[in-house]
């Protein structure tokens, strides 16, 4: 190196770190992050439940008047669609 100051800084010993302190700091950060994510998840779940509570009467009326007479046909359609989409995933590809 050409710069003597950079050489002395580069060659200087790095101070020792305390692994317990670093672990404690990381644990606190992780706990804060976990609490924040948990609060977000609980809040979104509560909002979803309230919205579902408001929408359910409309969904029930629509189901009773429109789809209930055809429920068996809808179930058959769903099973056939699922088999059509899932069955190729279980069969090996052949050239």
PDB file of N, CA and C in Angstrom:
ATOM      1  N   UNK A   1       0.831  -1.178   0.000  1.00  0.00           N
ATOM      2  CA  UNK A   1       0.000   0.000   0.000  1.00  0.00           C
ATOM      3  C   UNK A   1       0.874   1.239   0.000  1.00  0.00           C
ATOM      4  N   UNK A   2       0.381   2.237  -0.675  1.00  0.00           N
ATOM      5  CA  UNK A   2       1.134   3.474  -0.763  1.00  0.00           C
ATOM      6  C   UNK A   2       0.852   4.397   0.420  1.00  0.00           C
ATOM      7  N   UNK A   3      -0.353   4.371   0.920  1.00  0.00           N
ATOM      8  CA  UNK A   3      -0.726   5.261   2.016  1.00  0.00           C
ATOM      9  C   UNK A   3      -0.360   4.637   3.351  1.00  0.00           C
ATOM     10  N   UNK A   4       0.467   5.251   4.126  1.00  0.00           N
ATOM     11  CA  UNK A   4       0.836   4.667   5.420  1.00  0.00           C
ATOM     12  C   UNK A   4      -0.324   4.658   6.419  1.00  0.00           C
ATOM     13  N   UNK A   5      -1.196   5.655   6.362  1.00  0.00           N
ATOM     14  CA  UNK A   5      -2.330   5.687   7.282  1.00  0.00           C
ATOM     15  C   UNK A   5      -3.290   4.532   6.991  1.00  0.00           C
ATOM     16  N   UNK A   6      -3.576   4.291   5.713  1.00  0.00           N
ATOM     17  CA  UNK A   6      -4.442   3.172   5.352  1.00  0.00           C
ATOM     18  C   UNK A   6      -3.824   1.839   5.752  1.00  0.00           C
ATOM     19  N   UNK A   7      -2.501   1.745   5.615  1.00  0.00           N
ATOM     20  CA  UNK A   7      -1.831   0.505   5.977  1.00  0.00           C
ATOM     21  C   UNK A   7      -1.943   0.242   7.469  1.00  0.00           C
ATOM     22  N   UNK A   8      -1.789   1.288   8.293  1.00  0.00           N
ATOM     23  CA  UNK A   8      -1.898   1.080   9.739  1.00  0.00           C
ATOM     24  C   UNK A   8      -3.324   0.737  10.145  1.00  0.00           C
ATOM     25  N   UNK A   9      -4.310   1.374   9.510  1.00  0.00           N
ATOM     26  CA  UNK A   9      -5.713   1.059   9.821  1.00  0.00           C
ATOM     27  C   UNK A   9      -6.036  -0.359   9.367  1.00  0.00           C
ATOM     28  N   UNK A  10      -5.542  -0.738   8.206  1.00  0.00           N
ATOM     29  CA  UNK A  10      -5.814  -2.070   7.670  1.00  0.00           C
ATOM     30  C   UNK A  10      -5.179  -3.165   8.530  1.00  0.00           C
ATOM     31  N   UNK A  11      -3.995  -2.908   9.008  1.00  0.00           N
ATOM     32  CA  UNK A  11      -3.283  -3.904   9.802  1.00  0.00           C
ATOM     33  C   UNK A  11      -3.680  -3.897  11.274  1.00  0.00           C
ATOM     34  N   UNK A  12      -4.439  -2.921  11.719  1.00  0.00           N
ATOM     35  CA  UNK A  12      -4.821  -2.842  13.131  1.00  0.00           C
ATOM     36  C   UNK A  12      -5.721  -4.020  13.487  1.00  0.00           C
ATOM     37  N   UNK A  13      -5.635  -4.418  14.732  1.00  0.00           N
ATOM     38  CA  UNK A  13      -6.464  -5.528  15.197  1.00  0.00           C
ATOM     39  C   UNK A  13      -7.914  -5.077  15.323  1.00  0.00           C
ATOM     40  N   UNK A  14      -8.793  -5.966  14.952  1.00  0.00           N
ATOM     41  CA  UNK A  14     -10.218  -5.715  15.098  1.00  0.00           C
ATOM     42  C   UNK A  14     -10.580  -6.024  16.547  1.00  0.00           C
ATOM     43  N   UNK A  15     -11.332  -5.159  17.192  1.00  0.00           N
ATOM     44  CA  UNK A  15     -11.685  -5.449  18.580  1.00  0.00           C
ATOM     45  C   UNK A  15     -12.550  -6.700  18.658  1.00  0.00           C
ATOM     46  N   UNK A  16     -12.373  -7.423  19.735  1.00  0.00           N
ATOM     47  CA  UNK A  16     -13.120  -8.666  19.917  1.00  0.00           C
ATOM     48  C   UNK A  16     -14.594  -8.343  20.135  1.00  0.00           C
ATOM     49  N   UNK A  17     -15.450  -9.195  19.609  1.00  0.00           N
ATOM     50  CA  UNK A  17     -16.882  -8.998  19.805  1.00  0.00           C
ATOM     51  C   UNK A  17     -17.380  -9.967  20.864  1.00  0.00           C
ATOM     52  N   UNK A  18     -18.440  -9.585  21.511  1.00  0.00           N
ATOM     53  CA  UNK A  18     -19.032 -10.411  22.551  1.00  0.00           C
ATOM     54  C   UNK A  18     -20.167 -11.215  21.919  1.00  0.00           C
ATOM     55  N   UNK A  19     -20.015 -12.534  21.786  1.00  0.00           N
ATOM     56  CA  UNK A  19     -21.055 -13.308  21.114  1.00  0.00           C
ATOM     57  C   UNK A  19     -22.381 -13.310  21.871  1.00  0.00           C
ATOM     58  N   UNK A  20     -22.338 -13.273  23.191  1.00  0.00           N
ATOM     59  CA  UNK A  20     -23.600 -13.244  23.945  1.00  0.00           C
ATOM     60  C   UNK A  20     -24.351 -11.933  23.719  1.00  0.00           C
ATOM     61  N   UNK A  21     -23.621 -10.845  23.662  1.00  0.00           N
ATOM     62  CA  UNK A  21     -24.257  -9.553  23.401  1.00  0.00           C
ATOM     63  C   UNK A  21     -24.872  -9.537  22.005  1.00  0.00           C
ATOM     64  N   UNK A  22     -24.131 -10.022  21.013  1.00  0.00           N
ATOM     65  CA  UNK A  22     -24.652 -10.051  19.644  1.00  0.00           C
ATOM     66  C   UNK A  22     -25.892 -10.926  19.556  1.00  0.00           C
ATOM     67  N   UNK A  23     -25.883 -12.058  20.236  1.00  0.00           N
ATOM     68  CA  UNK A  23     -27.041 -12.957  20.233  1.00  0.00           C
ATOM     69  C   UNK A  23     -28.237 -12.313  20.927  1.00  0.00           C
ATOM     70  N   UNK A  24     -27.990 -11.602  22.019  1.00  0.00           N
ATOM     71  CA  UNK A  24     -29.085 -10.927  22.727  1.00  0.00           C
ATOM     72  C   UNK A  24     -29.707  -9.836  21.857  1.00  0.00           C
ATOM     73  N   UNK A  25     -28.864  -9.085  21.149  1.00  0.00           N
ATOM     74  CA  UNK A  25     -29.382  -8.032  20.270  1.00  0.00           C
ATOM     75  C   UNK A  25     -30.202  -8.645  19.135  1.00  0.00           C
ATOM     76  N   UNK A  26     -29.681  -9.718  18.549  1.00  0.00           N
ATOM     77  CA  UNK A  26     -30.429 -10.381  17.467  1.00  0.00           C
ATOM     78  C   UNK A  26     -31.744 -10.958  17.977  1.00  0.00           C
ATOM     79  N   UNK A  27     -31.763 -11.479  19.204  1.00  0.00           N
ATOM     80  CA  UNK A  27     -32.993 -12.025  19.770  1.00  0.00           C
ATOM     81  C   UNK A  27     -34.031 -10.928  19.979  1.00  0.00           C
ATOM     82  N   UNK A  28     -33.592  -9.768  20.470  1.00  0.00           N
ATOM     83  CA  UNK A  28     -34.527  -8.654  20.651  1.00  0.00           C
ATOM     84  C   UNK A  28     -35.095  -8.184  19.322  1.00  0.00           C
ATOM     85  N   UNK A  29     -34.243  -8.099  18.319  1.00  0.00           N
ATOM     86  CA  UNK A  29     -34.710  -7.680  16.987  1.00  0.00           C
ATOM     87  C   UNK A  29     -35.711  -8.684  16.449  1.00  0.00           C
ATOM     88  N   UNK A  30     -35.427  -9.964  16.609  1.00  0.00           N
ATOM     89  CA  UNK A  30     -36.327 -11.003  16.113  1.00  0.00           C
ATOM     90  C   UNK A  30     -37.657 -10.988  16.867  1.00  0.00           C
ATOM     91  N   UNK A  31     -37.629 -10.748  18.176  1.00  0.00           N
ATOM     92  CA  UNK A  31     -38.876 -10.683  18.944  1.00  0.00           C
ATOM     93  C   UNK A  31     -39.728  -9.503  18.495  1.00  0.00           C
ATOM     94  N   UNK A  32     -39.091  -8.356  18.258  1.00  0.00           N
ATOM     95  CA  UNK A  32     -39.842  -7.199  17.759  1.00  0.00           C
ATOM     96  C   UNK A  32     -40.458  -7.487  16.401  1.00  0.00           C
ATOM     97  N   UNK A  33     -39.675  -8.099  15.530  1.00  0.00           N
ATOM     98  CA  UNK A  33     -40.168  -8.427  14.191  1.00  0.00           C
ATOM     99  C   UNK A  33     -41.332  -9.419  14.266  1.00  0.00           C
ATOM    100  N   UNK A  34     -41.213 -10.419  15.154  1.00  0.00           N
ATOM    101  CA  UNK A  34     -42.271 -11.411  15.314  1.00  0.00           C
ATOM    102  C   UNK A  34     -43.555 -10.760  15.820  1.00  0.00           C
ATOM    103  N   UNK A  35     -43.436  -9.887  16.826  1.00  0.00           N
ATOM    104  CA  UNK A  35     -44.628  -9.215  17.361  1.00  0.00           C
ATOM    105  C   UNK A  35     -45.296  -8.341  16.310  1.00  0.00           C
ATOM    106  N   UNK A  36     -44.484  -7.650  15.516  1.00  0.00           N
ATOM    107  CA  UNK A  36     -45.042  -6.801  14.459  1.00  0.00           C
ATOM    108  C   UNK A  36     -45.778  -7.634  13.418  1.00  0.00           C
ATOM    109  N   UNK A  37     -45.166  -8.754  12.998  1.00  0.00           N
ATOM    110  CA  UNK A  37     -45.817  -9.627  12.004  1.00  0.00           C
ATOM    111  C   UNK A  37     -47.081 -10.261  12.584  1.00  0.00           C
ATOM    112  N   UNK A  38     -47.041 -10.642  13.867  1.00  0.00           N
ATOM    113  CA  UNK A  38     -48.214 -11.243  14.507  1.00  0.00           C
ATOM    114  C   UNK A  38     -49.343 -10.230  14.601  1.00  0.00           C
ATOM    115  N   UNK A  39     -49.022  -8.991  14.964  1.00  0.00           N
ATOM    116  CA  UNK A  39     -50.052  -7.956  15.039  1.00  0.00           C
ATOM    117  C   UNK A  39     -50.655  -7.687  13.664  1.00  0.00           C
ATOM    118  N   UNK A  40     -49.823  -7.683  12.639  1.00  0.00           N
ATOM    119  CA  UNK A  40     -50.331  -7.486  11.279  1.00  0.00           C
ATOM    120  C   UNK A  40     -51.250  -8.614  10.863  1.00  0.00           C
ATOM    121  N   UNK A  41     -50.845  -9.849  11.156  1.00  0.00           N
ATOM    122  CA  UNK A  41     -51.662 -11.010  10.782  1.00  0.00           C
ATOM    123  C   UNK A  41     -52.985 -11.020  11.526  1.00  0.00           C
ATOM    124  N   UNK A  42     -52.945 -10.752  12.822  1.00  0.00           N
ATOM    125  CA  UNK A  42     -54.182 -10.726  13.613  1.00  0.00           C
ATOM    126  C   UNK A  42     -55.092  -9.600  13.136  1.00  0.00           C
ATOM    127  N   UNK A  43     -54.524  -8.441  12.847  1.00  0.00           N
ATOM    128  CA  UNK A  43     -55.334  -7.328  12.349  1.00  0.00           C
ATOM    129  C   UNK A  43     -55.989  -7.624  11.014  1.00  0.00           C
ATOM    130  N   UNK A  44     -55.233  -8.217  10.096  1.00  0.00           N
ATOM    131  CA  UNK A  44     -55.817  -8.568   8.790  1.00  0.00           C
ATOM    132  C   UNK A  44     -56.879  -9.645   8.929  1.00  0.00           C
ATOM    133  N   UNK A  45     -56.678 -10.605   9.838  1.00  0.00           N
ATOM    134  CA  UNK A  45     -57.685 -11.640  10.059  1.00  0.00           C
ATOM    135  C   UNK A  45     -58.961 -11.035  10.632  1.00  0.00           C
ATOM    136  N   UNK A  46     -58.836 -10.093  11.554  1.00  0.00           N
ATOM    137  CA  UNK A  46     -60.014  -9.439  12.122  1.00  0.00           C
ATOM    138  C   UNK A  46     -60.773  -8.653  11.053  1.00  0.00           C
ATOM    139  N   UNK A  47     -60.035  -7.935  10.218  1.00  0.00           N
ATOM    140  CA  UNK A  47     -60.683  -7.189   9.130  1.00  0.00           C
ATOM    141  C   UNK A  47     -61.380  -8.139   8.170  1.00  0.00           C
ATOM    142  N   UNK A  48     -60.752  -9.263   7.854  1.00  0.00           N
ATOM    143  CA  UNK A  48     -61.373 -10.244   6.954  1.00  0.00           C
ATOM    144  C   UNK A  48     -62.641 -10.816   7.569  1.00  0.00           C
ATOM    145  N   UNK A  49     -62.631 -11.079   8.880  1.00  0.00           N
ATOM    146  CA  UNK A  49     -63.835 -11.611   9.527  1.00  0.00           C
ATOM    147  C   UNK A  49     -64.975 -10.597   9.512  1.00  0.00           C
ATOM    148  N   UNK A  50     -64.662  -9.324   9.739  1.00  0.00           N
ATOM    149  CA  UNK A  50     -65.700  -8.290   9.711  1.00  0.00           C
ATOM    150  C   UNK A  50     -66.277  -8.161   8.303  1.00  0.00           C
ATOM    151  N   UNK A  51     -65.406  -8.134   7.294  1.00  0.00           N
ATOM    152  CA  UNK A  51     -65.897  -8.034   5.915  1.00  0.00           C
ATOM    153  C   UNK A  51     -66.731  -9.254   5.532  1.00  0.00           C
ATOM    154  N   UNK A  52     -66.302 -10.427   5.970  1.00  0.00           N
ATOM    155  CA  UNK A  52     -67.079 -11.636   5.692  1.00  0.00           C
ATOM    156  C   UNK A  52     -68.429 -11.584   6.397  1.00  0.00           C
ATOM    157  N   UNK A  53     -68.461 -11.054   7.619  1.00  0.00           N
ATOM    158  CA  UNK A  53     -69.733 -10.900   8.331  1.00  0.00           C
ATOM    159  C   UNK A  53     -70.689  -9.977   7.604  1.00  0.00           C
ATOM    160  N   UNK A  54     -70.158  -8.906   6.999  1.00  0.00           N
ATOM    161  CA  UNK A  54     -71.016  -8.001   6.231  1.00  0.00           C
ATOM    162  C   UNK A  54     -71.475  -8.625   4.911  1.00  0.00           C
ATOM    163  N   UNK A  55     -70.626  -9.412   4.286  1.00  0.00           N
ATOM    164  CA  UNK A  55     -70.935  -9.966   2.966  1.00  0.00           C
ATOM    165  C   UNK A  55     -71.739 -11.252   3.046  1.00  0.00           C
ATOM    166  N   UNK A  56     -71.743 -11.919   4.180  1.00  0.00           N
ATOM    167  CA  UNK A  56     -72.373 -13.240   4.253  1.00  0.00           C
ATOM    168  C   UNK A  56     -73.868 -13.230   3.957  1.00  0.00           C
ATOM    169  N   UNK A  57     -74.664 -12.267   4.432  1.00  0.00           N
ATOM    170  CA  UNK A  57     -76.089 -12.300   4.060  1.00  0.00           C
ATOM    171  C   UNK A  57     -76.312 -12.252   2.554  1.00  0.00           C
ATOM    172  N   UNK A  58     -75.539 -11.444   1.866  1.00  0.00           N
ATOM    173  CA  UNK A  58     -75.677 -11.355   0.409  1.00  0.00           C
ATOM    174  C   UNK A  58     -75.260 -12.672  -0.235  1.00  0.00           C
ATOM    175  N   UNK A  59     -74.183 -13.264   0.261  1.00  0.00           N
ATOM    176  CA  UNK A  59     -73.715 -14.535  -0.291  1.00  0.00           C
ATOM    177  C   UNK A  59     -74.751 -15.630  -0.043  1.00  0.00           C
ATOM    178  N   UNK A  60     -75.361 -15.622   1.150  1.00  0.00           N
ATOM    179  CA  UNK A  60     -76.363 -16.655   1.456  1.00  0.00           C
ATOM    180  C   UNK A  60     -77.591 -16.522   0.567  1.00  0.00           C
ATOM    181  N   UNK A  61     -78.055 -15.309   0.354  1.00  0.00           N
ATOM    182  CA  UNK A  61     -79.214 -15.094  -0.523  1.00  0.00           C
ATOM    183  C   UNK A  61     -78.873 -15.519  -1.949  1.00  0.00           C
ATOM    184  N   UNK A  62     -77.700 -15.146  -2.416  1.00  0.00           N
ATOM    185  CA  UNK A  62     -77.279 -15.523  -3.768  1.00  0.00           C
ATOM    186  C   UNK A  62     -77.157 -17.028  -3.888  1.00  0.00           C
ATOM    187  N   UNK A  63     -76.607 -17.680  -2.885  1.00  0.00           N
ATOM    188  CA  UNK A  63     -76.466 -19.134  -2.919  1.00  0.00           C
ATOM    189  C   UNK A  63     -77.830 -19.807  -2.959  1.00  0.00           C
ATOM    190  N   UNK A  64     -78.749 -19.354  -2.099  1.00  0.00           N
ATOM    191  CA  UNK A  64     -80.056 -19.989  -2.012  1.00  0.00           C
ATOM    192  C   UNK A  64     -80.847 -19.825  -3.316  1.00  0.00           C
ATOM    193  N   UNK A  65     -80.758 -18.644  -3.932  1.00  0.00           N
ATOM    194  CA  UNK A  65     -81.570 -18.385  -5.122  1.00  0.00           C
ATOM    195  C   UNK A  65     -80.913 -18.821  -6.417  1.00  0.00           C
ATOM    196  N   UNK A  66     -79.589 -18.824  -6.479  1.00  0.00           N
ATOM    197  CA  UNK A  66     -78.931 -19.077  -7.752  1.00  0.00           C
ATOM    198  C   UNK A  66     -78.242 -20.426  -7.831  1.00  0.00           C
ATOM    199  N   UNK A  67     -77.445 -20.771  -6.826  1.00  0.00           N
ATOM    200  CA  UNK A  67     -76.570 -21.928  -6.951  1.00  0.00           C
ATOM    201  C   UNK A  67     -77.049 -23.181  -6.230  1.00  0.00           C
ATOM    202  N   UNK A  68     -77.902 -23.064  -5.231  1.00  0.00           N
ATOM    203  CA  UNK A  68     -78.317 -24.228  -4.448  1.00  0.00           C
ATOM    204  C   UNK A  68     -78.993 -25.304  -5.296  1.00  0.00           C
ATOM    205  N   UNK A  69     -79.869 -24.939  -6.232  1.00  0.00           N
ATOM    206  CA  UNK A  69     -80.473 -25.998  -7.049  1.00  0.00           C
ATOM    207  C   UNK A  69     -79.450 -26.761  -7.901  1.00  0.00           C
ATOM    208  N   UNK A  70     -78.319 -26.118  -8.183  1.00  0.00           N
ATOM    209  CA  UNK A  70     -77.307 -26.737  -9.041  1.00  0.00           C
ATOM    210  C   UNK A  70     -76.060 -27.164  -8.265  1.00  0.00           C
ATOM    211  N   UNK A  71     -76.183 -27.310  -6.963  1.00  0.00           N
ATOM    212  CA  UNK A  71     -75.016 -27.597  -6.133  1.00  0.00           C
ATOM    213  C   UNK A  71     -74.370 -28.917  -6.511  1.00  0.00           C
ATOM    214  N   UNK A  72     -75.172 -29.937  -6.777  1.00  0.00           N
ATOM    215  CA  UNK A  72     -74.591 -31.234  -7.130  1.00  0.00           C
ATOM    216  C   UNK A  72     -73.835 -31.137  -8.454  1.00  0.00           C
ATOM    217  N   UNK A  73     -74.368 -30.380  -9.390  1.00  0.00           N
ATOM    218  CA  UNK A  73     -73.670 -30.202 -10.663  1.00  0.00           C
ATOM    219  C   UNK A  73     -72.370 -29.422 -10.478  1.00  0.00           C
ATOM    220  N   UNK A  74     -72.377 -28.430  -9.589  1.00  0.00           N
ATOM    221  CA  UNK A  74     -71.164 -27.668  -9.325  1.00  0.00           C
ATOM    222  C   UNK A  74     -70.095 -28.527  -8.659  1.00  0.00           C
ATOM    223  N   UNK A  75     -70.509 -29.418  -7.773  1.00  0.00           N
ATOM    224  CA  UNK A  75     -69.549 -30.320  -7.124  1.00  0.00           C
ATOM    225  C   UNK A  75     -68.939 -31.263  -8.149  1.00  0.00           C
ATOM    226  N   UNK A  76     -69.763 -31.800  -9.033  1.00  0.00           N
ATOM    227  CA  UNK A  76     -69.252 -32.692 -10.074  1.00  0.00           C
ATOM    228  C   UNK A  76     -68.280 -31.931 -10.985  1.00  0.00           C
ATOM    229  N   UNK A  77     -68.635 -30.710 -11.347  1.00  0.00           N
ATOM    230  CA  UNK A  77     -67.751 -29.895 -12.178  1.00  0.00           C
ATOM    231  C   UNK A  77     -66.419 -29.625 -11.467  1.00  0.00           C
ATOM    232  N   UNK A  78     -66.467 -29.316 -10.183  1.00  0.00           N
ATOM    233  CA  UNK A  78     -65.242 -29.045  -9.427  1.00  0.00           C
ATOM    234  C   UNK A  78     -64.366 -30.287  -9.339  1.00  0.00           C
ATOM    235  N   UNK A  79     -64.968 -31.454  -9.116  1.00  0.00           N
ATOM    236  CA  UNK A  79     -64.190 -32.696  -9.031  1.00  0.00           C
ATOM    237  C   UNK A  79     -63.550 -33.015 -10.374  1.00  0.00           C
ATOM    238  N   UNK A  80     -64.286 -32.869 -11.455  1.00  0.00           N
ATOM    239  CA  UNK A  80     -63.734 -33.137 -12.776  1.00  0.00           C
ATOM    240  C   UNK A  80     -62.603 -32.162 -13.115  1.00  0.00           C
ATOM    241  N   UNK A  81     -62.783 -30.903 -12.766  1.00  0.00           N
ATOM    242  CA  UNK A  81     -61.732 -29.920 -13.026  1.00  0.00           C
ATOM    243  C   UNK A  81     -60.488 -30.234 -12.205  1.00  0.00           C
ATOM    244  N   UNK A  82     -60.678 -30.614 -10.931  1.00  0.00           N
ATOM    245  CA  UNK A  82     -59.536 -30.944 -10.087  1.00  0.00           C
ATOM    246  C   UNK A  82     -58.793 -32.159 -10.612  1.00  0.00           C
ATOM    247  N   UNK A  83     -59.537 -33.174 -11.038  1.00  0.00           N
ATOM    248  CA  UNK A  83     -58.894 -34.374 -11.581  1.00  0.00           C
ATOM    249  C   UNK A  83     -58.143 -34.038 -12.863  1.00  0.00           C
ATOM    250  N   UNK A  84     -58.745 -33.209 -13.703  1.00  0.00           N
ATOM    251  CA  UNK A  84     -58.101 -32.835 -14.954  1.00  0.00           C
ATOM    252  C   UNK A  84     -56.810 -32.057 -14.714  1.00  0.00           C
ATOM    253  N   UNK A  85     -56.795 -31.204 -13.694  1.00  0.00           N
ATOM    254  CA  UNK A  85     -55.609 -30.395 -13.430  1.00  0.00           C
ATOM    255  C   UNK A  85     -54.553 -31.138 -12.613  1.00  0.00           C
ATOM    256  N   UNK A  86     -54.982 -32.023 -11.712  1.00  0.00           N
ATOM    257  CA  UNK A  86     -54.047 -32.661 -10.785  1.00  0.00           C
ATOM    258  C   UNK A  86     -53.495 -33.971 -11.331  1.00  0.00           C
ATOM    259  N   UNK A  87     -54.283 -34.715 -12.054  1.00  0.00           N
ATOM    260  CA  UNK A  87     -53.865 -36.034 -12.527  1.00  0.00           C
ATOM    261  C   UNK A  87     -52.588 -35.995 -13.367  1.00  0.00           C
ATOM    262  N   UNK A  88     -52.413 -35.050 -14.276  1.00  0.00           N
ATOM    263  CA  UNK A  88     -51.143 -35.019 -15.025  1.00  0.00           C
ATOM    264  C   UNK A  88     -49.911 -34.770 -14.142  1.00  0.00           C
ATOM    265  N   UNK A  89     -50.102 -34.191 -12.969  1.00  0.00           N
ATOM    266  CA  UNK A  89     -48.977 -33.950 -12.082  1.00  0.00           C
ATOM    267  C   UNK A  89     -48.448 -35.250 -11.465  1.00  0.00           C
ATOM    268  N   UNK A  90     -49.315 -36.251 -11.341  1.00  0.00           N
ATOM    269  CA  UNK A  90     -48.902 -37.525 -10.744  1.00  0.00           C
ATOM    270  C   UNK A  90     -48.346 -38.520 -11.747  1.00  0.00           C
ATOM    271  N   UNK A  91     -48.677 -38.330 -13.009  1.00  0.00           N
ATOM    272  CA  UNK A  91     -48.187 -39.261 -14.032  1.00  0.00           C
ATOM    273  C   UNK A  91     -46.845 -38.767 -14.548  1.00  0.00           C
ATOM    274  N   UNK A  92     -45.878 -39.653 -14.692  1.00  0.00           N
ATOM    275  CA  UNK A  92     -44.572 -39.220 -15.183  1.00  0.00           C
ATOM    276  C   UNK A  92     -44.650 -38.819 -16.663  1.00  0.00           C
ATOM    277  N   UNK A  93     -43.823 -37.884 -17.030  1.00  0.00           N
ATOM    278  CA  UNK A  93     -43.774 -37.451 -18.432  1.00  0.00           C
ATOM    279  C   UNK A  93     -43.060 -38.495 -19.264  1.00  0.00           C
ATOM    280  N   UNK A  94     -43.592 -38.759 -20.438  1.00  0.00           N
ATOM    281  CA  UNK A  94     -42.991 -39.750 -21.332  1.00  0.00           C
ATOM    282  C   UNK A  94     -42.688 -39.096 -22.660  1.00  0.00           C
ATOM    283  N   UNK A  95     -41.548 -39.480 -23.217  1.00  0.00           N
ATOM    284  CA  UNK A  95     -41.170 -38.901 -24.520  1.00  0.00           C
ATOM    285  C   UNK A  95     -41.743 -39.727 -25.653  1.00  0.00           C
TER     286      UNK A  95
END
